[in-house]
Amino acid sequence: MKFMNQHNVVHRDLKIENILVKTKQGSSKKESFEDFEFKVADLGLAKAVTSHEDMIKTLCGTPVCMAPEIVAGRFYNYKVDVWSVGTLLFHLLTGTYPFKGRSIEELKQNL
């Protein structure tokens, strides 16, 4: 995420399925955070922008992880990835997503 942010890349589809976890070479315990490598995958919807101020308006991503700006069809920037990371953390802690809906319209009502 830090690398993408430094290079002005907006992922736009961060979800649990797009986070890869691998045990580091030589780790024996595999019980500590430091024993694992985490990588972001599936850059198919990623967008490179020229600066952090650039705004995008394309509706894309996984609805339950989308930031409100995307769901509402407004302009957005790299901050939508921060929102998605928050939904991932919420999901990891609770087993459910913070906002539910079977369609974009239902999500708009629940945000």
PDB file of N, CA and C in Angstrom:
ATOM      1  N   MET A   1       0.829  -1.187   0.000  1.00  0.00           N
ATOM      2  CA  MET A   1       0.000   0.000   0.000  1.00  0.00           C
ATOM      3  C   MET A   1       0.876   1.253   0.000  1.00  0.00           C
ATOM      4  N   LYS A   2       1.903   1.233   0.814  1.00  0.00           N
ATOM      5  CA  LYS A   2       2.794   2.390   0.879  1.00  0.00           C
ATOM      6  C   LYS A   2       3.441   2.638  -0.483  1.00  0.00           C
ATOM      7  N   PHE A   3       3.878   1.572  -1.147  1.00  0.00           N
ATOM      8  CA  PHE A   3       4.505   1.685  -2.464  1.00  0.00           C
ATOM      9  C   PHE A   3       3.516   2.273  -3.471  1.00  0.00           C
ATOM     10  N   MET A   4       2.278   1.771  -3.461  1.00  0.00           N
ATOM     11  CA  MET A   4       1.271   2.270  -4.400  1.00  0.00           C
ATOM     12  C   MET A   4       0.989   3.746  -4.139  1.00  0.00           C
ATOM     13  N   ASN A   5       0.902   4.121  -2.871  1.00  0.00           N
ATOM     14  CA  ASN A   5       0.644   5.515  -2.532  1.00  0.00           C
ATOM     15  C   ASN A   5       1.779   6.415  -3.006  1.00  0.00           C
ATOM     16  N   GLN A   6       3.017   5.974  -2.801  1.00  0.00           N
ATOM     17  CA  GLN A   6       4.181   6.764  -3.230  1.00  0.00           C
ATOM     18  C   GLN A   6       4.240   6.932  -4.738  1.00  0.00           C
ATOM     19  N   HIS A   7       3.652   5.981  -5.468  1.00  0.00           N
ATOM     20  CA  HIS A   7       3.675   6.029  -6.931  1.00  0.00           C
ATOM     21  C   HIS A   7       2.338   6.455  -7.533  1.00  0.00           C
ATOM     22  N   ASN A   8       1.488   7.049  -6.687  1.00  0.00           N
ATOM     23  CA  ASN A   8       0.202   7.594  -7.146  1.00  0.00           C
ATOM     24  C   ASN A   8      -0.664   6.567  -7.871  1.00  0.00           C
ATOM     25  N   VAL A   9      -0.763   5.394  -7.271  1.00  0.00           N
ATOM     26  CA  VAL A   9      -1.613   4.333  -7.816  1.00  0.00           C
ATOM     27  C   VAL A   9      -2.768   4.101  -6.851  1.00  0.00           C
ATOM     28  N   VAL A  10      -3.981   4.145  -7.377  1.00  0.00           N
ATOM     29  CA  VAL A  10      -5.181   3.873  -6.587  1.00  0.00           C
ATOM     30  C   VAL A  10      -5.624   2.451  -6.945  1.00  0.00           C
ATOM     31  N   HIS A  11      -5.707   1.558  -5.959  1.00  0.00           N
ATOM     32  CA  HIS A  11      -6.047   0.151  -6.216  1.00  0.00           C
ATOM     33  C   HIS A  11      -7.513  -0.013  -6.601  1.00  0.00           C
ATOM     34  N   ARG A  12      -8.417   0.548  -5.845  1.00  0.00           N
ATOM     35  CA  ARG A  12      -9.860   0.592  -6.085  1.00  0.00           C
ATOM     36  C   ARG A  12     -10.599  -0.722  -5.887  1.00  0.00           C
ATOM     37  N   ASP A  13      -9.915  -1.811  -5.512  1.00  0.00           N
ATOM     38  CA  ASP A  13     -10.621  -3.071  -5.271  1.00  0.00           C
ATOM     39  C   ASP A  13      -9.956  -3.858  -4.141  1.00  0.00           C
ATOM     40  N   LEU A  14      -9.623  -3.156  -3.069  1.00  0.00           N
ATOM     41  CA  LEU A  14      -9.021  -3.845  -1.924  1.00  0.00           C
ATOM     42  C   LEU A  14     -10.092  -4.638  -1.189  1.00  0.00           C
ATOM     43  N   LYS A  15      -9.835  -5.910  -1.022  1.00  0.00           N
ATOM     44  CA  LYS A  15     -10.723  -6.808  -0.287  1.00  0.00           C
ATOM     45  C   LYS A  15      -9.883  -7.969   0.211  1.00  0.00           C
ATOM     46  N   ILE A  16     -10.427  -8.759   1.102  1.00  0.00           N
ATOM     47  CA  ILE A  16      -9.663  -9.850   1.713  1.00  0.00           C
ATOM     48  C   ILE A  16      -9.082 -10.784   0.655  1.00  0.00           C
ATOM     49  N   GLU A  17      -9.836 -11.044  -0.384  1.00  0.00           N
ATOM     50  CA  GLU A  17      -9.365 -11.955  -1.439  1.00  0.00           C
ATOM     51  C   GLU A  17      -8.148 -11.414  -2.183  1.00  0.00           C
ATOM     52  N   ASN A  18      -7.882 -10.119  -2.080  1.00  0.00           N
ATOM     53  CA  ASN A  18      -6.755  -9.519  -2.792  1.00  0.00           C
ATOM     54  C   ASN A  18      -5.546  -9.255  -1.898  1.00  0.00           C
ATOM     55  N   ILE A  19      -5.554  -9.829  -0.699  1.00  0.00           N
ATOM     56  CA  ILE A  19      -4.400  -9.734   0.193  1.00  0.00           C
ATOM     57  C   ILE A  19      -3.778 -11.123   0.284  1.00  0.00           C
ATOM     58  N   LEU A  20      -2.542 -11.240  -0.166  1.00  0.00           N
ATOM     59  CA  LEU A  20      -1.837 -12.516  -0.145  1.00  0.00           C
ATOM     60  C   LEU A  20      -0.946 -12.587   1.093  1.00  0.00           C
ATOM     61  N   VAL A  21      -0.946 -13.746   1.746  1.00  0.00           N
ATOM     62  CA  VAL A  21      -0.150 -13.945   2.954  1.00  0.00           C
ATOM     63  C   VAL A  21       0.753 -15.149   2.727  1.00  0.00           C
ATOM     64  N   LYS A  22       2.041 -14.973   3.060  1.00  0.00           N
ATOM     65  CA  LYS A  22       3.031 -16.030   2.861  1.00  0.00           C
ATOM     66  C   LYS A  22       3.928 -16.099   4.094  1.00  0.00           C
ATOM     67  N   THR A  23       4.276 -17.308   4.505  1.00  0.00           N
ATOM     68  CA  THR A  23       5.228 -17.478   5.591  1.00  0.00           C
ATOM     69  C   THR A  23       6.614 -17.116   5.091  1.00  0.00           C
ATOM     70  N   LYS A  24       7.338 -16.318   5.868  1.00  0.00           N
ATOM     71  CA  LYS A  24       8.686 -15.927   5.471  1.00  0.00           C
ATOM     72  C   LYS A  24       9.626 -17.118   5.532  1.00  0.00           C
ATOM     73  N   GLN A  25      10.605 -17.106   4.641  1.00  0.00           N
ATOM     74  CA  GLN A  25      11.625 -18.144   4.584  1.00  0.00           C
ATOM     75  C   GLN A  25      12.386 -18.175   5.912  1.00  0.00           C
ATOM     76  N   GLY A  26      12.553 -19.361   6.487  1.00  0.00           N
ATOM     77  CA  GLY A  26      13.337 -19.508   7.706  1.00  0.00           C
ATOM     78  C   GLY A  26      12.560 -19.291   8.987  1.00  0.00           C
ATOM     79  N   SER A  27      11.275 -18.935   8.908  1.00  0.00           N
ATOM     80  CA  SER A  27      10.481 -18.764  10.124  1.00  0.00           C
ATOM     81  C   SER A  27      10.117 -20.131  10.676  1.00  0.00           C
ATOM     82  N   SER A  28      10.350 -20.318  11.945  1.00  0.00           N
ATOM     83  CA  SER A  28      10.054 -21.615  12.537  1.00  0.00           C
ATOM     84  C   SER A  28       8.783 -21.592  13.381  1.00  0.00           C
ATOM     85  N   LYS A  29       8.530 -20.515  14.115  1.00  0.00           N
ATOM     86  CA  LYS A  29       7.367 -20.449  14.993  1.00  0.00           C
ATOM     87  C   LYS A  29       6.070 -20.187  14.227  1.00  0.00           C
ATOM     88  N   LYS A  30       6.091 -19.260  13.304  1.00  0.00           N
ATOM     89  CA  LYS A  30       4.912 -18.866  12.521  1.00  0.00           C
ATOM     90  C   LYS A  30       3.780 -18.372  13.418  1.00  0.00           C
ATOM     91  N   GLU A  31       4.141 -17.708  14.513  1.00  0.00           N
ATOM     92  CA  GLU A  31       3.135 -17.203  15.431  1.00  0.00           C
ATOM     93  C   GLU A  31       3.129 -15.684  15.523  1.00  0.00           C
ATOM     94  N   SER A  32       4.111 -15.045  14.952  1.00  0.00           N
ATOM     95  CA  SER A  32       4.248 -13.603  15.066  1.00  0.00           C
ATOM     96  C   SER A  32       3.977 -12.935  13.723  1.00  0.00           C
ATOM     97  N   PHE A  33       3.500 -11.705  13.789  1.00  0.00           N
ATOM     98  CA  PHE A  33       3.241 -10.910  12.588  1.00  0.00           C
ATOM     99  C   PHE A  33       4.479 -10.836  11.699  1.00  0.00           C
ATOM    100  N   GLU A  34       5.657 -10.753  12.313  1.00  0.00           N
ATOM    101  CA  GLU A  34       6.915 -10.635  11.570  1.00  0.00           C
ATOM    102  C   GLU A  34       7.271 -11.907  10.799  1.00  0.00           C
ATOM    103  N   ASP A  35       6.597 -13.013  11.076  1.00  0.00           N
ATOM    104  CA  ASP A  35       6.869 -14.277  10.394  1.00  0.00           C
ATOM    105  C   ASP A  35       6.147 -14.395   9.049  1.00  0.00           C
ATOM    106  N   PHE A  36       5.392 -13.373   8.675  1.00  0.00           N
ATOM    107  CA  PHE A  36       4.598 -13.430   7.458  1.00  0.00           C
ATOM    108  C   PHE A  36       4.892 -12.248   6.536  1.00  0.00           C
ATOM    109  N   GLU A  37       4.711 -12.476   5.236  1.00  0.00           N
ATOM    110  CA  GLU A  37       4.790 -11.422   4.226  1.00  0.00           C
ATOM    111  C   GLU A  37       3.373 -11.188   3.712  1.00  0.00           C
ATOM    112  N   PHE A  38       3.020  -9.923   3.538  1.00  0.00           N
ATOM    113  CA  PHE A  38       1.708  -9.561   3.019  1.00  0.00           C
ATOM    114  C   PHE A  38       1.902  -8.808   1.709  1.00  0.00           C
ATOM    115  N   LYS A  39       1.123  -9.177   0.702  1.00  0.00           N
ATOM    116  CA  LYS A  39       1.208  -8.508  -0.596  1.00  0.00           C
ATOM    117  C   LYS A  39      -0.195  -8.214  -1.105  1.00  0.00           C
ATOM    118  N   VAL A  40      -0.309  -7.109  -1.829  1.00  0.00           N
ATOM    119  CA  VAL A  40      -1.573  -6.724  -2.444  1.00  0.00           C
ATOM    120  C   VAL A  40      -1.590  -7.286  -3.858  1.00  0.00           C
ATOM    121  N   ALA A  41      -2.689  -7.953  -4.204  1.00  0.00           N
ATOM    122  CA  ALA A  41      -2.811  -8.590  -5.519  1.00  0.00           C
ATOM    123  C   ALA A  41      -3.947  -7.952  -6.324  1.00  0.00           C
ATOM    124  N   ASP A  42      -4.115  -8.410  -7.536  1.00  0.00           N
ATOM    125  CA  ASP A  42      -5.182  -8.027  -8.454  1.00  0.00           C
ATOM    126  C   ASP A  42      -5.237  -6.520  -8.681  1.00  0.00           C
ATOM    127  N   LEU A  43      -4.340  -6.057  -9.494  1.00  0.00           N
ATOM    128  CA  LEU A  43      -4.285  -4.638  -9.839  1.00  0.00           C
ATOM    129  C   LEU A  43      -5.083  -4.336 -11.109  1.00  0.00           C
ATOM    130  N   GLY A  44      -6.018  -5.209 -11.450  1.00  0.00           N
ATOM    131  CA  GLY A  44      -6.803  -5.048 -12.671  1.00  0.00           C
ATOM    132  C   GLY A  44      -7.627  -3.772 -12.719  1.00  0.00           C
ATOM    133  N   LEU A  45      -8.075  -3.281 -11.554  1.00  0.00           N
ATOM    134  CA  LEU A  45      -8.860  -2.044 -11.516  1.00  0.00           C
ATOM    135  C   LEU A  45      -8.036  -0.852 -11.051  1.00  0.00           C
ATOM    136  N   ALA A  46      -6.746  -1.075 -10.814  1.00  0.00           N
ATOM    137  CA  ALA A  46      -5.877   0.003 -10.329  1.00  0.00           C
ATOM    138  C   ALA A  46      -5.766   1.107 -11.383  1.00  0.00           C
ATOM    139  N   LYS A  47      -5.541   2.314 -10.889  1.00  0.00           N
ATOM    140  CA  LYS A  47      -5.423   3.471 -11.782  1.00  0.00           C
ATOM    141  C   LYS A  47      -4.240   4.306 -11.333  1.00  0.00           C
ATOM    142  N   ALA A  48      -3.343   4.586 -12.263  1.00  0.00           N
ATOM    143  CA  ALA A  48      -2.217   5.478 -11.988  1.00  0.00           C
ATOM    144  C   ALA A  48      -2.667   6.900 -12.253  1.00  0.00           C
ATOM    145  N   VAL A  49      -2.375   7.781 -11.318  1.00  0.00           N
ATOM    146  CA  VAL A  49      -2.707   9.195 -11.478  1.00  0.00           C
ATOM    147  C   VAL A  49      -1.418   9.999 -11.382  1.00  0.00           C
ATOM    148  N   THR A  50      -1.457  11.237 -11.833  1.00  0.00           N
ATOM    149  CA  THR A  50      -0.235  12.037 -11.845  1.00  0.00           C
ATOM    150  C   THR A  50       0.109  12.617 -10.483  1.00  0.00           C
ATOM    151  N   SER A  51      -0.906  12.789  -9.623  1.00  0.00           N
ATOM    152  CA  SER A  51      -0.638  13.314  -8.280  1.00  0.00           C
ATOM    153  C   SER A  51      -1.773  12.912  -7.341  1.00  0.00           C
ATOM    154  N   HIS A  52      -1.575  13.144  -6.049  1.00  0.00           N
ATOM    155  CA  HIS A  52      -2.612  12.826  -5.068  1.00  0.00           C
ATOM    156  C   HIS A  52      -3.843  13.711  -5.218  1.00  0.00           C
ATOM    157  N   GLU A  53      -3.710  14.807  -5.917  1.00  0.00           N
ATOM    158  CA  GLU A  53      -4.835  15.713  -6.096  1.00  0.00           C
ATOM    159  C   GLU A  53      -5.746  15.291  -7.249  1.00  0.00           C
ATOM    160  N   ASP A  54      -5.267  14.397  -8.123  1.00  0.00           N
ATOM    161  CA  ASP A  54      -6.085  13.938  -9.251  1.00  0.00           C
ATOM    162  C   ASP A  54      -7.347  13.241  -8.736  1.00  0.00           C
ATOM    163  N   MET A  55      -8.429  13.476  -9.431  1.00  0.00           N
ATOM    164  CA  MET A  55      -9.704  12.894  -9.042  1.00  0.00           C
ATOM    165  C   MET A  55     -10.190  11.938 -10.143  1.00  0.00           C
ATOM    166  N   ILE A  56     -10.847  10.866  -9.704  1.00  0.00           N
ATOM    167  CA  ILE A  56     -11.356   9.822 -10.595  1.00  0.00           C
ATOM    168  C   ILE A  56     -12.857   9.719 -10.347  1.00  0.00           C
ATOM    169  N   LYS A  57     -13.607   9.235 -11.319  1.00  0.00           N
ATOM    170  CA  LYS A  57     -15.056   9.105 -11.123  1.00  0.00           C
ATOM    171  C   LYS A  57     -15.607   7.754 -11.564  1.00  0.00           C
ATOM    172  N   THR A  58     -14.770   6.814 -11.950  1.00  0.00           N
ATOM    173  CA  THR A  58     -15.231   5.517 -12.432  1.00  0.00           C
ATOM    174  C   THR A  58     -15.829   4.686 -11.304  1.00  0.00           C
ATOM    175  N   LEU A  59     -16.993   4.103 -11.545  1.00  0.00           N
ATOM    176  CA  LEU A  59     -17.625   3.207 -10.577  1.00  0.00           C
ATOM    177  C   LEU A  59     -17.051   1.813 -10.791  1.00  0.00           C
ATOM    178  N   CYS A  60     -16.225   1.362  -9.838  1.00  0.00           N
ATOM    179  CA  CYS A  60     -15.663   0.020  -9.943  1.00  0.00           C
ATOM    180  C   CYS A  60     -15.221  -0.448  -8.563  1.00  0.00           C
ATOM    181  N   GLY A  61     -15.075  -1.754  -8.409  1.00  0.00           N
ATOM    182  CA  GLY A  61     -14.652  -2.331  -7.147  1.00  0.00           C
ATOM    183  C   GLY A  61     -15.690  -3.294  -6.603  1.00  0.00           C
ATOM    184  N   THR A  62     -15.426  -3.782  -5.407  1.00  0.00           N
ATOM    185  CA  THR A  62     -16.342  -4.690  -4.726  1.00  0.00           C
ATOM    186  C   THR A  62     -17.249  -3.847  -3.836  1.00  0.00           C
ATOM    187  N   PRO A  63     -18.549  -3.872  -4.066  1.00  0.00           N
ATOM    188  CA  PRO A  63     -19.462  -2.941  -3.397  1.00  0.00           C
ATOM    189  C   PRO A  63     -19.323  -2.851  -1.874  1.00  0.00           C
ATOM    190  N   VAL A  64     -19.211  -3.969  -1.152  1.00  0.00           N
ATOM    191  CA  VAL A  64     -19.170  -3.894   0.314  1.00  0.00           C
ATOM    192  C   VAL A  64     -17.881  -3.267   0.836  1.00  0.00           C
ATOM    193  N   CYS A  65     -16.869  -3.122  -0.016  1.00  0.00           N
ATOM    194  CA  CYS A  65     -15.599  -2.501   0.388  1.00  0.00           C
ATOM    195  C   CYS A  65     -15.426  -1.100  -0.194  1.00  0.00           C
ATOM    196  N   MET A  66     -16.370  -0.652  -1.005  1.00  0.00           N
ATOM    197  CA  MET A  66     -16.255   0.652  -1.671  1.00  0.00           C
ATOM    198  C   MET A  66     -16.452   1.809  -0.715  1.00  0.00           C
ATOM    199  N   ALA A  67     -15.693   2.862  -0.941  1.00  0.00           N
ATOM    200  CA  ALA A  67     -15.856   4.102  -0.182  1.00  0.00           C
ATOM    201  C   ALA A  67     -17.159   4.780  -0.612  1.00  0.00           C
ATOM    202  N   PRO A  68     -17.741   5.583   0.278  1.00  0.00           N
ATOM    203  CA  PRO A  68     -19.006   6.263  -0.057  1.00  0.00           C
ATOM    204  C   PRO A  68     -18.928   7.121  -1.316  1.00  0.00           C
ATOM    205  N   GLU A  69     -17.770   7.726  -1.607  1.00  0.00           N
ATOM    206  CA  GLU A  69     -17.627   8.555  -2.798  1.00  0.00           C
ATOM    207  C   GLU A  69     -17.856   7.748  -4.066  1.00  0.00           C
ATOM    208  N   ILE A  70     -17.335   6.518  -4.084  1.00  0.00           N
ATOM    209  CA  ILE A  70     -17.500   5.661  -5.267  1.00  0.00           C
ATOM    210  C   ILE A  70     -18.957   5.239  -5.394  1.00  0.00           C
ATOM    211  N   VAL A  71     -19.542   4.782  -4.276  1.00  0.00           N
ATOM    212  CA  VAL A  71     -20.935   4.328  -4.284  1.00  0.00           C
ATOM    213  C   VAL A  71     -21.867   5.449  -4.750  1.00  0.00           C
ATOM    214  N   ALA A  72     -21.583   6.680  -4.325  1.00  0.00           N
ATOM    215  CA  ALA A  72     -22.435   7.819  -4.679  1.00  0.00           C
ATOM    216  C   ALA A  72     -22.161   8.366  -6.075  1.00  0.00           C
ATOM    217  N   GLY A  73     -21.109   7.864  -6.744  1.00  0.00           N
ATOM    218  CA  GLY A  73     -20.798   8.333  -8.089  1.00  0.00           C
ATOM    219  C   GLY A  73     -20.107   9.686  -8.114  1.00  0.00           C
ATOM    220  N   ARG A  74     -19.456  10.047  -6.992  1.00  0.00           N
ATOM    221  CA  ARG A  74     -18.736  11.319  -6.932  1.00  0.00           C
ATOM    222  C   ARG A  74     -17.267  11.118  -7.308  1.00  0.00           C
ATOM    223  N   PHE A  75     -16.560  12.218  -7.490  1.00  0.00           N
ATOM    224  CA  PHE A  75     -15.129  12.153  -7.750  1.00  0.00           C
ATOM    225  C   PHE A  75     -14.398  11.691  -6.494  1.00  0.00           C
ATOM    226  N   TYR A  76     -13.302  10.954  -6.668  1.00  0.00           N
ATOM    227  CA  TYR A  76     -12.535  10.439  -5.534  1.00  0.00           C
ATOM    228  C   TYR A  76     -11.064  10.365  -5.890  1.00  0.00           C
ATOM    229  N   ASN A  77     -10.229  10.083  -4.873  1.00  0.00           N
ATOM    230  CA  ASN A  77      -8.786   9.932  -5.088  1.00  0.00           C
ATOM    231  C   ASN A  77      -8.276   8.734  -4.285  1.00  0.00           C
ATOM    232  N   TYR A  78      -7.000   8.714  -3.981  1.00  0.00           N
ATOM    233  CA  TYR A  78      -6.362   7.577  -3.318  1.00  0.00           C
ATOM    234  C   TYR A  78      -6.967   7.251  -1.951  1.00  0.00           C
ATOM    235  N   LYS A  79      -7.669   8.184  -1.353  1.00  0.00           N
ATOM    236  CA  LYS A  79      -8.223   7.965  -0.014  1.00  0.00           C
ATOM    237  C   LYS A  79      -9.266   6.851   0.016  1.00  0.00           C
ATOM    238  N   VAL A  80      -9.821   6.491  -1.137  1.00  0.00           N
ATOM    239  CA  VAL A  80     -10.789   5.394  -1.156  1.00  0.00           C
ATOM    240  C   VAL A  80     -10.136   4.078  -0.743  1.00  0.00           C
ATOM    241  N   ASP A  81      -8.836   3.933  -0.985  1.00  0.00           N
ATOM    242  CA  ASP A  81      -8.128   2.722  -0.560  1.00  0.00           C
ATOM    243  C   ASP A  81      -8.010   2.666   0.964  1.00  0.00           C
ATOM    244  N   VAL A  82      -7.886   3.814   1.603  1.00  0.00           N
ATOM    245  CA  VAL A  82      -7.838   3.864   3.069  1.00  0.00           C
ATOM    246  C   VAL A  82      -9.173   3.374   3.633  1.00  0.00           C
ATOM    247  N   TRP A  83     -10.272   3.808   3.031  1.00  0.00           N
ATOM    248  CA  TRP A  83     -11.600   3.341   3.449  1.00  0.00           C
ATOM    249  C   TRP A  83     -11.680   1.825   3.314  1.00  0.00           C
ATOM    250  N   SER A  84     -11.231   1.302   2.185  1.00  0.00           N
ATOM    251  CA  SER A  84     -11.302  -0.146   1.955  1.00  0.00           C
ATOM    252  C   SER A  84     -10.489  -0.925   2.976  1.00  0.00           C
ATOM    253  N   VAL A  85      -9.319  -0.417   3.339  1.00  0.00           N
ATOM    254  CA  VAL A  85      -8.512  -1.069   4.371  1.00  0.00           C
ATOM    255  C   VAL A  85      -9.289  -1.096   5.690  1.00  0.00           C
ATOM    256  N   GLY A  86      -9.999  -0.036   5.980  1.00  0.00           N
ATOM    257  CA  GLY A  86     -10.829  -0.002   7.188  1.00  0.00           C
ATOM    258  C   GLY A  86     -11.912  -1.062   7.164  1.00  0.00           C
ATOM    259  N   THR A  87     -12.550  -1.250   6.012  1.00  0.00           N
ATOM    260  CA  THR A  87     -13.579  -2.298   5.923  1.00  0.00           C
ATOM    261  C   THR A  87     -12.955  -3.676   6.078  1.00  0.00           C
ATOM    262  N   LEU A  88     -11.722  -3.850   5.573  1.00  0.00           N
ATOM    263  CA  LEU A  88     -11.028  -5.135   5.739  1.00  0.00           C
ATOM    264  C   LEU A  88     -10.734  -5.412   7.207  1.00  0.00           C
ATOM    265  N   LEU A  89     -10.228  -4.421   7.909  1.00  0.00           N
ATOM    266  CA  LEU A  89      -9.937  -4.588   9.330  1.00  0.00           C
ATOM    267  C   LEU A  89     -11.212  -4.888  10.116  1.00  0.00           C
ATOM    268  N   PHE A  90     -12.284  -4.186   9.810  1.00  0.00           N
ATOM    269  CA  PHE A  90     -13.566  -4.431  10.458  1.00  0.00           C
ATOM    270  C   PHE A  90     -14.001  -5.876  10.212  1.00  0.00           C
ATOM    271  N   HIS A  91     -13.882  -6.321   8.962  1.00  0.00           N
ATOM    272  CA  HIS A  91     -14.267  -7.686   8.609  1.00  0.00           C
ATOM    273  C   HIS A  91     -13.411  -8.720   9.349  1.00  0.00           C
ATOM    274  N   LEU A  92     -12.107  -8.469   9.444  1.00  0.00           N
ATOM    275  CA  LEU A  92     -11.224  -9.394  10.147  1.00  0.00           C
ATOM    276  C   LEU A  92     -11.557  -9.480  11.637  1.00  0.00           C
ATOM    277  N   LEU A  93     -11.971  -8.366  12.223  1.00  0.00           N
ATOM    278  CA  LEU A  93     -12.278  -8.338  13.653  1.00  0.00           C
ATOM    279  C   LEU A  93     -13.657  -8.874  14.000  1.00  0.00           C
ATOM    280  N   THR A  94     -14.620  -8.681  13.101  1.00  0.00           N
ATOM    281  CA  THR A  94     -16.003  -9.029  13.433  1.00  0.00           C
ATOM    282  C   THR A  94     -16.581 -10.187  12.614  1.00  0.00           C
ATOM    283  N   GLY A  95     -15.958 -10.486  11.480  1.00  0.00           N
ATOM    284  CA  GLY A  95     -16.483 -11.540  10.610  1.00  0.00           C
ATOM    285  C   GLY A  95     -17.585 -11.061   9.677  1.00  0.00           C
ATOM    286  N   THR A  96     -17.865  -9.776   9.688  1.00  0.00           N
ATOM    287  CA  THR A  96     -18.889  -9.211   8.820  1.00  0.00           C
ATOM    288  C   THR A  96     -18.405  -7.849   8.311  1.00  0.00           C
ATOM    289  N   TYR A  97     -19.032  -7.332   7.273  1.00  0.00           N
ATOM    290  CA  TYR A  97     -18.652  -6.023   6.755  1.00  0.00           C
ATOM    291  C   TYR A  97     -19.444  -4.936   7.487  1.00  0.00           C
ATOM    292  N   PRO A  98     -18.894  -3.732   7.592  1.00  0.00           N
ATOM    293  CA  PRO A  98     -19.577  -2.676   8.346  1.00  0.00           C
ATOM    294  C   PRO A  98     -20.885  -2.206   7.713  1.00  0.00           C
ATOM    295  N   PHE A  99     -20.994  -2.284   6.408  1.00  0.00           N
ATOM    296  CA  PHE A  99     -22.202  -1.865   5.714  1.00  0.00           C
ATOM    297  C   PHE A  99     -22.649  -2.993   4.802  1.00  0.00           C
ATOM    298  N   LYS A 100     -23.933  -3.284   4.819  1.00  0.00           N
ATOM    299  CA  LYS A 100     -24.451  -4.407   4.044  1.00  0.00           C
ATOM    300  C   LYS A 100     -25.416  -3.921   2.967  1.00  0.00           C
ATOM    301  N   GLY A 101     -25.507  -4.707   1.929  1.00  0.00           N
ATOM    302  CA  GLY A 101     -26.443  -4.420   0.857  1.00  0.00           C
ATOM    303  C   GLY A 101     -26.213  -5.390  -0.284  1.00  0.00           C
ATOM    304  N   ARG A 102     -27.297  -5.792  -0.917  1.00  0.00           N
ATOM    305  CA  ARG A 102     -27.181  -6.722  -2.042  1.00  0.00           C
ATOM    306  C   ARG A 102     -27.013  -6.007  -3.371  1.00  0.00           C
ATOM    307  N   SER A 103     -27.107  -4.683  -3.337  1.00  0.00           N
ATOM    308  CA  SER A 103     -26.936  -3.895  -4.551  1.00  0.00           C
ATOM    309  C   SER A 103     -26.324  -2.544  -4.169  1.00  0.00           C
ATOM    310  N   ILE A 104     -25.898  -1.803  -5.167  1.00  0.00           N
ATOM    311  CA  ILE A 104     -25.356  -0.459  -4.930  1.00  0.00           C
ATOM    312  C   ILE A 104     -26.420   0.417  -4.269  1.00  0.00           C
ATOM    313  N   GLU A 105     -27.661   0.288  -4.686  1.00  0.00           N
ATOM    314  CA  GLU A 105     -28.744   1.100  -4.115  1.00  0.00           C
ATOM    315  C   GLU A 105     -28.933   0.807  -2.630  1.00  0.00           C
ATOM    316  N   GLU A 106     -28.895  -0.464  -2.237  1.00  0.00           N
ATOM    317  CA  GLU A 106     -29.019  -0.820  -0.823  1.00  0.00           C
ATOM    318  C   GLU A 106     -27.831  -0.294  -0.015  1.00  0.00           C
ATOM    319  N   LEU A 107     -26.639  -0.370  -0.607  1.00  0.00           N
ATOM    320  CA  LEU A 107     -25.462   0.164   0.083  1.00  0.00           C
ATOM    321  C   LEU A 107     -25.565   1.665   0.289  1.00  0.00           C
ATOM    322  N   LYS A 108     -26.067   2.376  -0.699  1.00  0.00           N
ATOM    323  CA  LYS A 108     -26.240   3.831  -0.567  1.00  0.00           C
ATOM    324  C   LYS A 108     -27.137   4.149   0.628  1.00  0.00           C
ATOM    325  N   GLN A 109     -28.166   3.356   0.824  1.00  0.00           N
ATOM    326  CA  GLN A 109     -29.096   3.588   1.928  1.00  0.00           C
ATOM    327  C   GLN A 109     -28.463   3.251   3.282  1.00  0.00           C
ATOM    328  N   ASN A 110     -27.513   2.319   3.299  1.00  0.00           N
ATOM    329  CA  ASN A 110     -26.921   1.857   4.555  1.00  0.00           C
ATOM    330  C   ASN A 110     -25.650   2.578   4.946  1.00  0.00           C
ATOM    331  N   LEU A 111     -25.086   3.406   4.073  1.00  0.00           N
ATOM    332  CA  LEU A 111     -23.844   4.124   4.409  1.00  0.00           C
ATOM    333  C   LEU A 111     -24.124   5.247   5.380  1.00  0.00           C
TER     334      LEU A 111
END
